Amino acid sequence: MRETLRQAADFLLAHDHYDILTHAYPDGDTLGSGYALCAALRQFGKKARVITTALPRNFVFLAAGAEEQSFETETVVSVDVADEKLLGANKETYGGRIALCIDHHEINRVDAPLKCVDSCASSNCELLFLLFAEMGVQVTKPIATCLYTGIATDTGCFKYSNTSPRTLRTAADLLDCGVDAPAINKALFDTKSPQKLQLEQEIYSTLSYCADGRCAVAAATLDTQRRLGVGDDELEGIASLPRQIEGVEIGIILREKDPNVFKVSVRANERLVNAAQFCARFGGGGHAAAAGCQIRGSLDEVVHLLQTAAEECL
């Protein structure tokens, strides 16, 4: 891994005019990675900007200080993107143009000349912390805030099994840089809007079980989202809801993106089921404990497909 980090560091220091790509429906890790890398590159006098499909309200603070820069793109880097199709609306513009892929997913299908991938990292931001050390980046408070946010969100505030001793040491180093962890943790994990509470109630009402209660599936349909007026802010974090139920080994949330097009989020007991391999059946991927895919069909059809697969796995 050290050699790969060195290659990535040399590449980033040798080029300029960066477009940094995040994945669609961005979370704290891809956005934290994007804005941390943008700030790091600007330390070396380089031009860089973050390209994202959205900036959810609860993550706006990550973009503080990232003033817009105008330039002609020379170098494209992706962060926390396991597959080009996850670029969403940006795939048409940037597909086939990624020069460096920085990622931590177990399955990575990005076709890039240079890839810096560490599936042992809890998050892409943990990997970036190591990369920044190779580059000689000064980890300022804003950069540390971005990195901490990515690590905290991808580890469930350090609750998930991907939290390693290195993860905790990295978080401690970031706290030494001035990160206000209590404020970030409260905003991201302990604060819910009234709309989100309503959404969770609706989701729980759709729960169905299979495999003797060891798999739970729930959905947020387009009708529900429109009726409640919820956006990406409220939808963040709902993937973990079914897995919190006692006895559930595979928790699945369906989010209807377009009519009969569902974004599927899977959370699993990785000792029994590999979520990435489960989602790979449907063209997706991710991590052993958390993964996703996209399936077309009616709600009943998609639920049946997933429950059949879960029963086979369990």
C-alpha atoms as a PDB file:
ATOM      1  CA  MET A   1       0.000   0.000   0.000  1.00  0.00           C
ATOM      2  CA  ARG A   2       2.882   2.367   0.735  1.00  0.00           C
ATOM      3  CA  GLU A   3       4.079   2.155  -2.875  1.00  0.00           C
ATOM      4  CA  THR A   4       0.570   2.836  -4.179  1.00  0.00           C
ATOM      5  CA  LEU A   5       0.238   5.844  -1.886  1.00  0.00           C
ATOM      6  CA  ARG A   6       3.580   7.148  -3.118  1.00  0.00           C
ATOM      7  CA  GLN A   7       2.502   6.795  -6.745  1.00  0.00           C
ATOM      8  CA  ALA A   8      -0.762   8.609  -6.059  1.00  0.00           C
ATOM      9  CA  ALA A   9       1.043  11.362  -4.143  1.00  0.00           C
ATOM     10  CA  ASP A  10       3.563  11.860  -6.958  1.00  0.00           C
ATOM     11  CA  PHE A  11       0.736  12.009  -9.486  1.00  0.00           C
ATOM     12  CA  LEU A  12      -1.222  14.631  -7.549  1.00  0.00           C
ATOM     13  CA  LEU A  13       1.873  16.792  -7.052  1.00  0.00           C
ATOM     14  CA  ALA A  14       2.827  16.560 -10.727  1.00  0.00           C
ATOM     15  CA  HIS A  15      -0.485  17.623 -12.279  1.00  0.00           C
ATOM     16  CA  ASP A  16      -2.906  20.550 -12.032  1.00  0.00           C
ATOM     17  CA  HIS A  17      -6.387  21.881 -12.846  1.00  0.00           C
ATOM     18  CA  TYR A  18      -8.331  19.179 -11.020  1.00  0.00           C
ATOM     19  CA  ASP A  19     -11.962  18.181 -11.194  1.00  0.00           C
ATOM     20  CA  ILE A  20     -12.645  15.972  -8.154  1.00  0.00           C
ATOM     21  CA  LEU A  21     -15.613  13.651  -8.652  1.00  0.00           C
ATOM     22  CA  THR A  22     -17.913  12.422  -5.892  1.00  0.00           C
ATOM     23  CA  HIS A  23     -20.598   9.774  -6.248  1.00  0.00           C
ATOM     24  CA  ALA A  24     -24.292  10.455  -6.758  1.00  0.00           C
ATOM     25  CA  TYR A  25     -26.470  10.788  -3.647  1.00  0.00           C
ATOM     26  CA  PRO A  26     -23.324  11.968  -1.852  1.00  0.00           C
ATOM     27  CA  ASP A  27     -22.624  11.085   1.762  1.00  0.00           C
ATOM     28  CA  GLY A  28     -20.168  12.415   4.297  1.00  0.00           C
ATOM     29  CA  ASP A  29     -17.292  10.258   3.080  1.00  0.00           C
ATOM     30  CA  THR A  30     -17.354  11.195  -0.596  1.00  0.00           C
ATOM     31  CA  LEU A  31     -17.979  14.885   0.177  1.00  0.00           C
ATOM     32  CA  GLY A  32     -15.438  14.950   3.007  1.00  0.00           C
ATOM     33  CA  SER A  33     -12.918  13.338   0.670  1.00  0.00           C
ATOM     34  CA  GLY A  34     -13.672  15.743  -2.147  1.00  0.00           C
ATOM     35  CA  TYR A  35     -13.386  18.938  -0.151  1.00  0.00           C
ATOM     36  CA  ALA A  36     -10.373  17.722   1.849  1.00  0.00           C
ATOM     37  CA  LEU A  37      -8.508  16.838  -1.360  1.00  0.00           C
ATOM     38  CA  CYS A  38      -9.515  20.141  -2.944  1.00  0.00           C
ATOM     39  CA  ALA A  39      -8.094  22.096   0.002  1.00  0.00           C
ATOM     40  CA  ALA A  40      -4.949  19.942   0.058  1.00  0.00           C
ATOM     41  CA  LEU A  41      -4.230  20.534  -3.636  1.00  0.00           C
ATOM     42  CA  ARG A  42      -4.756  24.263  -3.244  1.00  0.00           C
ATOM     43  CA  GLN A  43      -2.052  24.257  -0.551  1.00  0.00           C
ATOM     44  CA  PHE A  44       0.396  23.489  -3.356  1.00  0.00           C
ATOM     45  CA  GLY A  45      -0.902  26.327  -5.518  1.00  0.00           C
ATOM     46  CA  LYS A  46      -2.969  24.053  -7.730  1.00  0.00           C
ATOM     47  CA  LYS A  47      -6.445  24.778  -9.056  1.00  0.00           C
ATOM     48  CA  ALA A  48      -9.106  22.324  -7.955  1.00  0.00           C
ATOM     49  CA  ARG A  49     -12.868  22.077  -7.559  1.00  0.00           C
ATOM     50  CA  VAL A  50     -15.321  19.480  -6.310  1.00  0.00           C
ATOM     51  CA  ILE A  51     -17.861  18.121  -8.770  1.00  0.00           C
ATOM     52  CA  THR A  52     -20.952  16.731  -7.066  1.00  0.00           C
ATOM     53  CA  THR A  53     -24.546  16.045  -8.004  1.00  0.00           C
ATOM     54  CA  ALA A  54     -25.765  17.641  -4.777  1.00  0.00           C
ATOM     55  CA  LEU A  55     -24.604  19.176  -1.517  1.00  0.00           C
ATOM     56  CA  PRO A  56     -27.078  18.113   1.193  1.00  0.00           C
ATOM     57  CA  ARG A  57     -27.855  20.784   3.755  1.00  0.00           C
ATOM     58  CA  ASN A  58     -26.277  18.841   6.623  1.00  0.00           C
ATOM     59  CA  PHE A  59     -22.941  18.722   4.783  1.00  0.00           C
ATOM     60  CA  VAL A  60     -22.719  22.329   3.591  1.00  0.00           C
ATOM     61  CA  PHE A  61     -20.124  23.066   6.272  1.00  0.00           C
ATOM     62  CA  LEU A  62     -17.635  20.835   4.429  1.00  0.00           C
ATOM     63  CA  ALA A  63     -17.498  23.309   1.535  1.00  0.00           C
ATOM     64  CA  ALA A  64     -16.530  26.259   3.744  1.00  0.00           C
ATOM     65  CA  GLY A  65     -13.563  28.024   2.177  1.00  0.00           C
ATOM     66  CA  ALA A  66     -13.794  26.159  -1.128  1.00  0.00           C
ATOM     67  CA  GLU A  67     -14.396  29.219  -3.250  1.00  0.00           C
ATOM     68  CA  GLU A  68     -15.291  28.466  -6.845  1.00  0.00           C
ATOM     69  CA  GLN A  69     -12.368  28.527  -9.285  1.00  0.00           C
ATOM     70  CA  SER A  70     -12.671  28.887 -13.056  1.00  0.00           C
ATOM     71  CA  PHE A  71     -10.269  26.914 -15.226  1.00  0.00           C
ATOM     72  CA  GLU A  72     -10.120  24.379 -18.023  1.00  0.00           C
ATOM     73  CA  THR A  73     -10.031  20.839 -16.663  1.00  0.00           C
ATOM     74  CA  GLU A  74      -6.794  18.942 -17.156  1.00  0.00           C
ATOM     75  CA  THR A  75      -6.961  16.157 -14.554  1.00  0.00           C
ATOM     76  CA  VAL A  76      -9.933  14.178 -13.262  1.00  0.00           C
ATOM     77  CA  VAL A  77      -9.791  12.366  -9.918  1.00  0.00           C
ATOM     78  CA  SER A  78     -12.577  10.345  -8.299  1.00  0.00           C
ATOM     79  CA  VAL A  79     -12.990   9.866  -4.542  1.00  0.00           C
ATOM     80  CA  ASP A  80     -15.090   7.135  -2.918  1.00  0.00           C
ATOM     81  CA  VAL A  81     -16.439   6.081  -6.332  1.00  0.00           C
ATOM     82  CA  ALA A  82     -16.510   2.309  -6.850  1.00  0.00           C
ATOM     83  CA  ASP A  83     -17.999   2.359 -10.348  1.00  0.00           C
ATOM     84  CA  GLU A  84     -18.376   5.066 -13.005  1.00  0.00           C
ATOM     85  CA  LYS A  85     -22.114   4.455 -13.139  1.00  0.00           C
ATOM     86  CA  LEU A  86     -22.229   5.819  -9.573  1.00  0.00           C
ATOM     87  CA  LEU A  87     -21.301   9.254 -10.939  1.00  0.00           C
ATOM     88  CA  GLY A  88     -24.965   9.746 -11.789  1.00  0.00           C
ATOM     89  CA  ALA A  89     -25.584  12.740 -14.030  1.00  0.00           C
ATOM     90  CA  ASN A  90     -21.833  13.418 -14.207  1.00  0.00           C
ATOM     91  CA  LYS A  91     -21.087  10.110 -15.932  1.00  0.00           C
ATOM     92  CA  GLU A  92     -21.881  11.547 -19.357  1.00  0.00           C
ATOM     93  CA  THR A  93     -19.305  14.317 -18.915  1.00  0.00           C
ATOM     94  CA  TYR A  94     -16.583  12.423 -17.057  1.00  0.00           C
ATOM     95  CA  GLY A  95     -16.993   8.774 -18.050  1.00  0.00           C
ATOM     96  CA  GLY A  96     -13.679   7.370 -19.310  1.00  0.00           C
ATOM     97  CA  ARG A  97     -11.744  10.462 -18.178  1.00  0.00           C
ATOM     98  CA  ILE A  98     -10.755   9.487 -14.614  1.00  0.00           C
ATOM     99  CA  ALA A  99      -6.955   9.596 -14.331  1.00  0.00           C
ATOM    100  CA  LEU A 100      -6.726   8.671 -10.636  1.00  0.00           C
ATOM    101  CA  CYS A 101      -9.244   6.709  -8.597  1.00  0.00           C
ATOM    102  CA  ILE A 102      -8.988   6.930  -4.802  1.00  0.00           C
ATOM    103  CA  ASP A 103     -11.339   4.462  -3.140  1.00  0.00           C
ATOM    104  CA  HIS A 104     -11.807   1.986  -0.288  1.00  0.00           C
ATOM    105  CA  HIS A 105     -14.526  -0.347  -1.598  1.00  0.00           C
ATOM    106  CA  GLU A 106     -13.969  -4.091  -1.745  1.00  0.00           C
ATOM    107  CA  ILE A 107     -15.138  -4.154  -5.374  1.00  0.00           C
ATOM    108  CA  ASN A 108     -13.916  -1.286  -7.566  1.00  0.00           C
ATOM    109  CA  ARG A 109     -14.795  -1.218 -11.262  1.00  0.00           C
ATOM    110  CA  VAL A 110     -13.463   2.214 -12.193  1.00  0.00           C
ATOM    111  CA  ASP A 111     -11.236   1.952 -15.266  1.00  0.00           C
ATOM    112  CA  ALA A 112      -8.461   4.428 -14.446  1.00  0.00           C
ATOM    113  CA  PRO A 113      -4.738   4.415 -15.348  1.00  0.00           C
ATOM    114  CA  LEU A 114      -3.867   4.831 -11.671  1.00  0.00           C
ATOM    115  CA  LYS A 115      -5.849   3.473  -8.748  1.00  0.00           C
ATOM    116  CA  CYS A 116      -5.228   3.962  -5.044  1.00  0.00           C
ATOM    117  CA  VAL A 117      -7.618   1.508  -3.385  1.00  0.00           C
ATOM    118  CA  ASP A 118      -7.443   0.175   0.166  1.00  0.00           C
ATOM    119  CA  SER A 119     -10.418  -1.952   1.176  1.00  0.00           C
ATOM    120  CA  CYS A 120      -8.986  -2.217   4.698  1.00  0.00           C
ATOM    121  CA  ALA A 121      -9.625   1.481   5.271  1.00  0.00           C
ATOM    122  CA  SER A 122     -12.797   2.268   7.197  1.00  0.00           C
ATOM    123  CA  SER A 123     -13.522   5.108   4.814  1.00  0.00           C
ATOM    124  CA  ASN A 124     -12.081   6.988   1.903  1.00  0.00           C
ATOM    125  CA  CYS A 125     -11.194   9.802   4.282  1.00  0.00           C
ATOM    126  CA  GLU A 126      -9.033   7.454   6.360  1.00  0.00           C
ATOM    127  CA  LEU A 127      -7.169   6.537   3.171  1.00  0.00           C
ATOM    128  CA  LEU A 128      -6.767  10.202   2.262  1.00  0.00           C
ATOM    129  CA  PHE A 129      -5.211  10.908   5.646  1.00  0.00           C
ATOM    130  CA  LEU A 130      -2.452   8.446   4.763  1.00  0.00           C
ATOM    131  CA  LEU A 131      -2.131   9.906   1.278  1.00  0.00           C
ATOM    132  CA  PHE A 132      -1.821  13.438   2.637  1.00  0.00           C
ATOM    133  CA  ALA A 133       1.087  12.303   4.836  1.00  0.00           C
ATOM    134  CA  GLU A 134       2.868  11.073   1.688  1.00  0.00           C
ATOM    135  CA  MET A 135       2.184  14.392  -0.056  1.00  0.00           C
ATOM    136  CA  GLY A 136       3.343  16.522   2.851  1.00  0.00           C
ATOM    137  CA  VAL A 137      -0.032  18.205   3.268  1.00  0.00           C
ATOM    138  CA  GLN A 138      -0.512  20.413   6.318  1.00  0.00           C
ATOM    139  CA  VAL A 139      -3.708  19.057   7.852  1.00  0.00           C
ATOM    140  CA  THR A 140      -5.451  22.272   8.835  1.00  0.00           C
ATOM    141  CA  LYS A 141      -8.622  22.392  10.931  1.00  0.00           C
ATOM    142  CA  PRO A 142     -10.888  22.650   7.815  1.00  0.00           C
ATOM    143  CA  ILE A 143      -9.168  19.648   6.179  1.00  0.00           C
ATOM    144  CA  ALA A 144      -9.306  17.681   9.438  1.00  0.00           C
ATOM    145  CA  THR A 145     -13.014  18.513   9.774  1.00  0.00           C
ATOM    146  CA  CYS A 146     -13.694  17.090   6.319  1.00  0.00           C
ATOM    147  CA  LEU A 147     -11.688  13.936   7.027  1.00  0.00           C
ATOM    148  CA  TYR A 148     -13.257  13.384  10.445  1.00  0.00           C
ATOM    149  CA  THR A 149     -16.747  13.765   8.981  1.00  0.00           C
ATOM    150  CA  GLY A 150     -16.066  11.106   6.356  1.00  0.00           C
ATOM    151  CA  ILE A 151     -14.629   8.669   8.879  1.00  0.00           C
ATOM    152  CA  ALA A 152     -17.434   9.246  11.389  1.00  0.00           C
ATOM    153  CA  THR A 153     -20.229   8.799   8.853  1.00  0.00           C
ATOM    154  CA  ASP A 154     -18.786   5.645   7.287  1.00  0.00           C
ATOM    155  CA  THR A 155     -18.194   4.017  10.685  1.00  0.00           C
ATOM    156  CA  GLY A 156     -21.559   5.010  12.141  1.00  0.00           C
ATOM    157  CA  CYS A 157     -19.770   7.270  14.608  1.00  0.00           C
ATOM    158  CA  PHE A 158     -17.252   4.457  15.258  1.00  0.00           C
ATOM    159  CA  LYS A 159     -19.902   1.795  15.955  1.00  0.00           C
ATOM    160  CA  TYR A 160     -19.425  -0.405  12.878  1.00  0.00           C
ATOM    161  CA  SER A 161     -17.054  -3.329  12.469  1.00  0.00           C
ATOM    162  CA  ASN A 162     -14.922  -1.372   9.982  1.00  0.00           C
ATOM    163  CA  THR A 163     -13.612   0.708  12.901  1.00  0.00           C
ATOM    164  CA  SER A 164     -10.021  -0.466  13.364  1.00  0.00           C
ATOM    165  CA  PRO A 165      -7.252   0.645  15.736  1.00  0.00           C
ATOM    166  CA  ARG A 166      -5.842   2.685  12.810  1.00  0.00           C
ATOM    167  CA  THR A 167      -9.242   4.335  12.386  1.00  0.00           C
ATOM    168  CA  LEU A 168      -9.304   5.458  16.007  1.00  0.00           C
ATOM    169  CA  ARG A 169      -5.695   6.652  15.879  1.00  0.00           C
ATOM    170  CA  THR A 170      -6.513   8.669  12.759  1.00  0.00           C
ATOM    171  CA  ALA A 171      -9.548  10.209  14.446  1.00  0.00           C
ATOM    172  CA  ALA A 172      -7.407  11.111  17.456  1.00  0.00           C
ATOM    173  CA  ASP A 173      -4.852  12.813  15.200  1.00  0.00           C
ATOM    174  CA  LEU A 174      -7.676  14.795  13.576  1.00  0.00           C
ATOM    175  CA  LEU A 175      -8.968  15.886  16.987  1.00  0.00           C
ATOM    176  CA  ASP A 176      -5.472  17.175  17.685  1.00  0.00           C
ATOM    177  CA  CYS A 177      -5.930  19.386  14.617  1.00  0.00           C
ATOM    178  CA  GLY A 178      -8.867  21.139  16.259  1.00  0.00           C
ATOM    179  CA  VAL A 179     -11.898  19.222  15.003  1.00  0.00           C
ATOM    180  CA  ASP A 180     -15.068  19.989  16.968  1.00  0.00           C
ATOM    181  CA  ALA A 181     -16.194  16.366  17.158  1.00  0.00           C
ATOM    182  CA  PRO A 182     -19.109  16.886  19.590  1.00  0.00           C
ATOM    183  CA  ALA A 183     -20.697  19.479  17.299  1.00  0.00           C
ATOM    184  CA  ILE A 184     -20.262  17.308  14.195  1.00  0.00           C
ATOM    185  CA  ASN A 185     -21.543  14.182  15.943  1.00  0.00           C
ATOM    186  CA  LYS A 186     -24.623  15.967  17.283  1.00  0.00           C
ATOM    187  CA  ALA A 187     -25.459  17.498  13.896  1.00  0.00           C
ATOM    188  CA  LEU A 188     -25.012  14.256  11.956  1.00  0.00           C
ATOM    189  CA  PHE A 189     -26.155  11.574  14.395  1.00  0.00           C
ATOM    190  CA  ASP A 190     -28.281  13.085  17.166  1.00  0.00           C
ATOM    191  CA  THR A 191     -30.437  15.638  15.331  1.00  0.00           C
ATOM    192  CA  LYS A 192     -33.492  14.837  13.191  1.00  0.00           C
ATOM    193  CA  SER A 193     -35.923  17.109  11.439  1.00  0.00           C
ATOM    194  CA  PRO A 194     -39.677  16.568  11.940  1.00  0.00           C
ATOM    195  CA  GLN A 195     -39.800  15.433   8.302  1.00  0.00           C
ATOM    196  CA  LYS A 196     -37.192  12.758   8.939  1.00  0.00           C
ATOM    197  CA  LEU A 197     -39.096  11.432  11.935  1.00  0.00           C
ATOM    198  CA  GLN A 198     -42.232  11.205   9.781  1.00  0.00           C
ATOM    199  CA  LEU A 199     -40.230   9.460   7.073  1.00  0.00           C
ATOM    200  CA  GLU A 200     -38.908   6.871   9.527  1.00  0.00           C
ATOM    201  CA  GLN A 201     -42.447   6.195  10.731  1.00  0.00           C
ATOM    202  CA  GLU A 202     -43.571   5.626   7.146  1.00  0.00           C
ATOM    203  CA  ILE A 203     -40.603   3.351   6.430  1.00  0.00           C
ATOM    204  CA  TYR A 204     -41.262   1.189   9.488  1.00  0.00           C
ATOM    205  CA  SER A 205     -44.885   0.801   8.350  1.00  0.00           C
ATOM    206  CA  THR A 206     -43.660  -0.831   5.107  1.00  0.00           C
ATOM    207  CA  LEU A 207     -41.479  -3.461   6.825  1.00  0.00           C
ATOM    208  CA  SER A 208     -41.718  -7.030   5.600  1.00  0.00           C
ATOM    209  CA  TYR A 209     -39.741 -10.043   6.787  1.00  0.00           C
ATOM    210  CA  CYS A 210     -38.450 -13.282   5.316  1.00  0.00           C
ATOM    211  CA  ALA A 211     -35.999 -16.068   6.244  1.00  0.00           C
ATOM    212  CA  ASP A 212     -37.661 -16.544   9.647  1.00  0.00           C
ATOM    213  CA  GLY A 213     -37.292 -12.874  10.480  1.00  0.00           C
ATOM    214  CA  ARG A 214     -33.594 -12.694   9.693  1.00  0.00           C
ATOM    215  CA  CYS A 215     -34.130 -10.382   6.712  1.00  0.00           C
ATOM    216  CA  ALA A 216     -36.149  -7.162   6.877  1.00  0.00           C
ATOM    217  CA  VAL A 217     -37.053  -5.018   3.870  1.00  0.00           C
ATOM    218  CA  ALA A 218     -38.590  -1.550   3.906  1.00  0.00           C
ATOM    219  CA  ALA A 219     -39.131   1.173   1.319  1.00  0.00           C
ATOM    220  CA  ALA A 220     -39.381   4.913   0.774  1.00  0.00           C
ATOM    221  CA  THR A 221     -41.475   5.295  -2.362  1.00  0.00           C
ATOM    222  CA  LEU A 222     -41.649   8.377  -4.546  1.00  0.00           C
ATOM    223  CA  ASP A 223     -45.160   8.983  -3.273  1.00  0.00           C
ATOM    224  CA  THR A 224     -43.944   8.985   0.331  1.00  0.00           C
ATOM    225  CA  GLN A 225     -41.006  11.264  -0.445  1.00  0.00           C
ATOM    226  CA  ARG A 226     -43.202  13.775  -2.289  1.00  0.00           C
ATOM    227  CA  ARG A 227     -46.007  13.691   0.260  1.00  0.00           C
ATOM    228  CA  LEU A 228     -43.616  14.391   3.140  1.00  0.00           C
ATOM    229  CA  GLY A 229     -41.480  16.802   1.133  1.00  0.00           C
ATOM    230  CA  VAL A 230     -38.253  15.056   2.127  1.00  0.00           C
ATOM    231  CA  GLY A 231     -34.947  15.496   0.321  1.00  0.00           C
ATOM    232  CA  ASP A 232     -31.487  13.965   0.474  1.00  0.00           C
ATOM    233  CA  ASP A 233     -30.908  15.445   3.950  1.00  0.00           C
ATOM    234  CA  GLU A 234     -33.726  13.421   5.471  1.00  0.00           C
ATOM    235  CA  LEU A 235     -32.930  10.306   3.430  1.00  0.00           C
ATOM    236  CA  GLU A 236     -29.355  10.203   4.736  1.00  0.00           C
ATOM    237  CA  GLY A 237     -28.892   7.423   7.276  1.00  0.00           C
ATOM    238  CA  ILE A 238     -32.144   5.544   6.687  1.00  0.00           C
ATOM    239  CA  ALA A 239     -30.267   2.521   5.312  1.00  0.00           C
ATOM    240  CA  SER A 240     -29.409   1.333   8.813  1.00  0.00           C
ATOM    241  CA  LEU A 241     -32.996   1.224  10.131  1.00  0.00           C
ATOM    242  CA  PRO A 242     -33.952  -2.428   9.350  1.00  0.00           C
ATOM    243  CA  ARG A 243     -30.604  -3.770  10.563  1.00  0.00           C
ATOM    244  CA  GLN A 244     -31.301  -2.286  14.009  1.00  0.00           C
ATOM    245  CA  ILE A 245     -34.146  -4.749  14.564  1.00  0.00           C
ATOM    246  CA  GLU A 246     -33.276  -7.644  16.881  1.00  0.00           C
ATOM    247  CA  GLY A 247     -32.639 -10.859  14.973  1.00  0.00           C
ATOM    248  CA  VAL A 248     -32.242  -9.200  11.571  1.00  0.00           C
ATOM    249  CA  GLU A 249     -29.047 -10.246   9.771  1.00  0.00           C
ATOM    250  CA  ILE A 250     -29.797  -8.552   6.434  1.00  0.00           C
ATOM    251  CA  GLY A 251     -31.502  -5.158   6.473  1.00  0.00           C
ATOM    252  CA  ILE A 252     -32.601  -3.716   3.135  1.00  0.00           C
ATOM    253  CA  ILE A 253     -33.960  -0.255   2.336  1.00  0.00           C
ATOM    254  CA  LEU A 254     -35.430   0.598  -1.063  1.00  0.00           C
ATOM    255  CA  ARG A 255     -35.483   4.203  -2.175  1.00  0.00           C
ATOM    256  CA  GLU A 256     -37.487   4.889  -5.313  1.00  0.00           C
ATOM    257  CA  LYS A 257     -35.464   7.340  -7.434  1.00  0.00           C
ATOM    258  CA  ASP A 258     -37.700   7.352 -10.525  1.00  0.00           C
ATOM    259  CA  PRO A 259     -40.912   5.462 -11.224  1.00  0.00           C
ATOM    260  CA  ASN A 260     -40.063   1.751 -10.821  1.00  0.00           C
ATOM    261  CA  VAL A 261     -36.341   2.465 -10.339  1.00  0.00           C
ATOM    262  CA  PHE A 262     -35.098   1.617  -6.843  1.00  0.00           C
ATOM    263  CA  LYS A 263     -31.813   2.422  -5.136  1.00  0.00           C
ATOM    264  CA  VAL A 264     -31.163  -0.540  -2.845  1.00  0.00           C
ATOM    265  CA  SER A 265     -29.105  -0.197   0.347  1.00  0.00           C
ATOM    266  CA  VAL A 266     -28.075  -3.385   2.134  1.00  0.00           C
ATOM    267  CA  ARG A 267     -26.666  -3.650   5.651  1.00  0.00           C
ATOM    268  CA  ALA A 268     -25.623  -7.122   6.760  1.00  0.00           C
ATOM    269  CA  ASN A 269     -24.022  -9.168   9.483  1.00  0.00           C
ATOM    270  CA  GLU A 270     -20.788  -9.715   7.582  1.00  0.00           C
ATOM    271  CA  ARG A 271     -20.036 -12.896   9.530  1.00  0.00           C
ATOM    272  CA  LEU A 272     -23.004 -14.494   7.781  1.00  0.00           C
ATOM    273  CA  VAL A 273     -23.526 -12.531   4.567  1.00  0.00           C
ATOM    274  CA  ASN A 274     -21.182 -10.384   2.500  1.00  0.00           C
ATOM    275  CA  ALA A 275     -23.291  -7.366   1.509  1.00  0.00           C
ATOM    276  CA  ALA A 276     -21.010  -6.502  -1.426  1.00  0.00           C
ATOM    277  CA  GLN A 277     -21.354  -9.984  -2.886  1.00  0.00           C
ATOM    278  CA  PHE A 278     -25.099  -9.905  -2.258  1.00  0.00           C
ATOM    279  CA  CYS A 279     -25.440  -6.649  -4.211  1.00  0.00           C
ATOM    280  CA  ALA A 280     -23.085  -7.893  -6.931  1.00  0.00           C
ATOM    281  CA  ARG A 281     -25.892 -10.271  -7.953  1.00  0.00           C
ATOM    282  CA  PHE A 282     -27.746  -7.162  -9.114  1.00  0.00           C
ATOM    283  CA  GLY A 283     -24.772  -5.296 -10.602  1.00  0.00           C
ATOM    284  CA  GLY A 284     -23.876  -3.408  -7.447  1.00  0.00           C
ATOM    285  CA  GLY A 285     -21.145  -3.572  -4.836  1.00  0.00           C
ATOM    286  CA  GLY A 286     -19.687  -1.942  -1.750  1.00  0.00           C
ATOM    287  CA  HIS A 287     -18.358  -3.361   1.504  1.00  0.00           C
ATOM    288  CA  ALA A 288     -18.830  -6.600   3.401  1.00  0.00           C
ATOM    289  CA  ALA A 289     -21.220  -4.964   5.878  1.00  0.00           C
ATOM    290  CA  ALA A 290     -22.720  -2.236   3.701  1.00  0.00           C
ATOM    291  CA  ALA A 291     -23.384  -2.196  -0.021  1.00  0.00           C
ATOM    292  CA  GLY A 292     -25.869  -1.090  -2.645  1.00  0.00           C
ATOM    293  CA  CYS A 293     -27.276  -1.601  -6.111  1.00  0.00           C
ATOM    294  CA  GLN A 294     -30.057  -0.402  -8.372  1.00  0.00           C
ATOM    295  CA  ILE A 295     -32.985  -2.522  -9.567  1.00  0.00           C
ATOM    296  CA  ARG A 296     -35.817  -1.745 -11.983  1.00  0.00           C
ATOM    297  CA  GLY A 297     -39.307  -3.098 -11.446  1.00  0.00           C
ATOM    298  CA  SER A 298     -42.422  -2.580  -9.383  1.00  0.00           C
ATOM    299  CA  LEU A 299     -42.048  -2.400  -5.610  1.00  0.00           C
ATOM    300  CA  ASP A 300     -43.496  -5.893  -5.178  1.00  0.00           C
ATOM    301  CA  GLU A 301     -41.198  -7.323  -7.866  1.00  0.00           C
ATOM    302  CA  VAL A 302     -38.062  -5.800  -6.382  1.00  0.00           C
ATOM    303  CA  VAL A 303     -38.953  -6.880  -2.850  1.00  0.00           C
ATOM    304  CA  HIS A 304     -39.564 -10.439  -4.100  1.00  0.00           C
ATOM    305  CA  LEU A 305     -36.185 -10.521  -5.891  1.00  0.00           C
ATOM    306  CA  LEU A 306     -34.342  -9.343  -2.808  1.00  0.00           C
ATOM    307  CA  GLN A 307     -36.150 -11.601  -0.389  1.00  0.00           C
ATOM    308  CA  THR A 308     -35.480 -14.611  -2.601  1.00  0.00           C
ATOM    309  CA  ALA A 309     -31.788 -13.750  -2.675  1.00  0.00           C
ATOM    310  CA  ALA A 310     -31.723 -13.202   1.087  1.00  0.00           C
ATOM    311  CA  GLU A 311     -33.362 -16.558   1.771  1.00  0.00           C
ATOM    312  CA  GLU A 312     -30.738 -18.263  -0.411  1.00  0.00           C
ATOM    313  CA  CYS A 313     -27.927 -16.499   1.459  1.00  0.00           C
ATOM    314  CA  LEU A 314     -29.304 -17.229   4.894  1.00  0.00           C
END
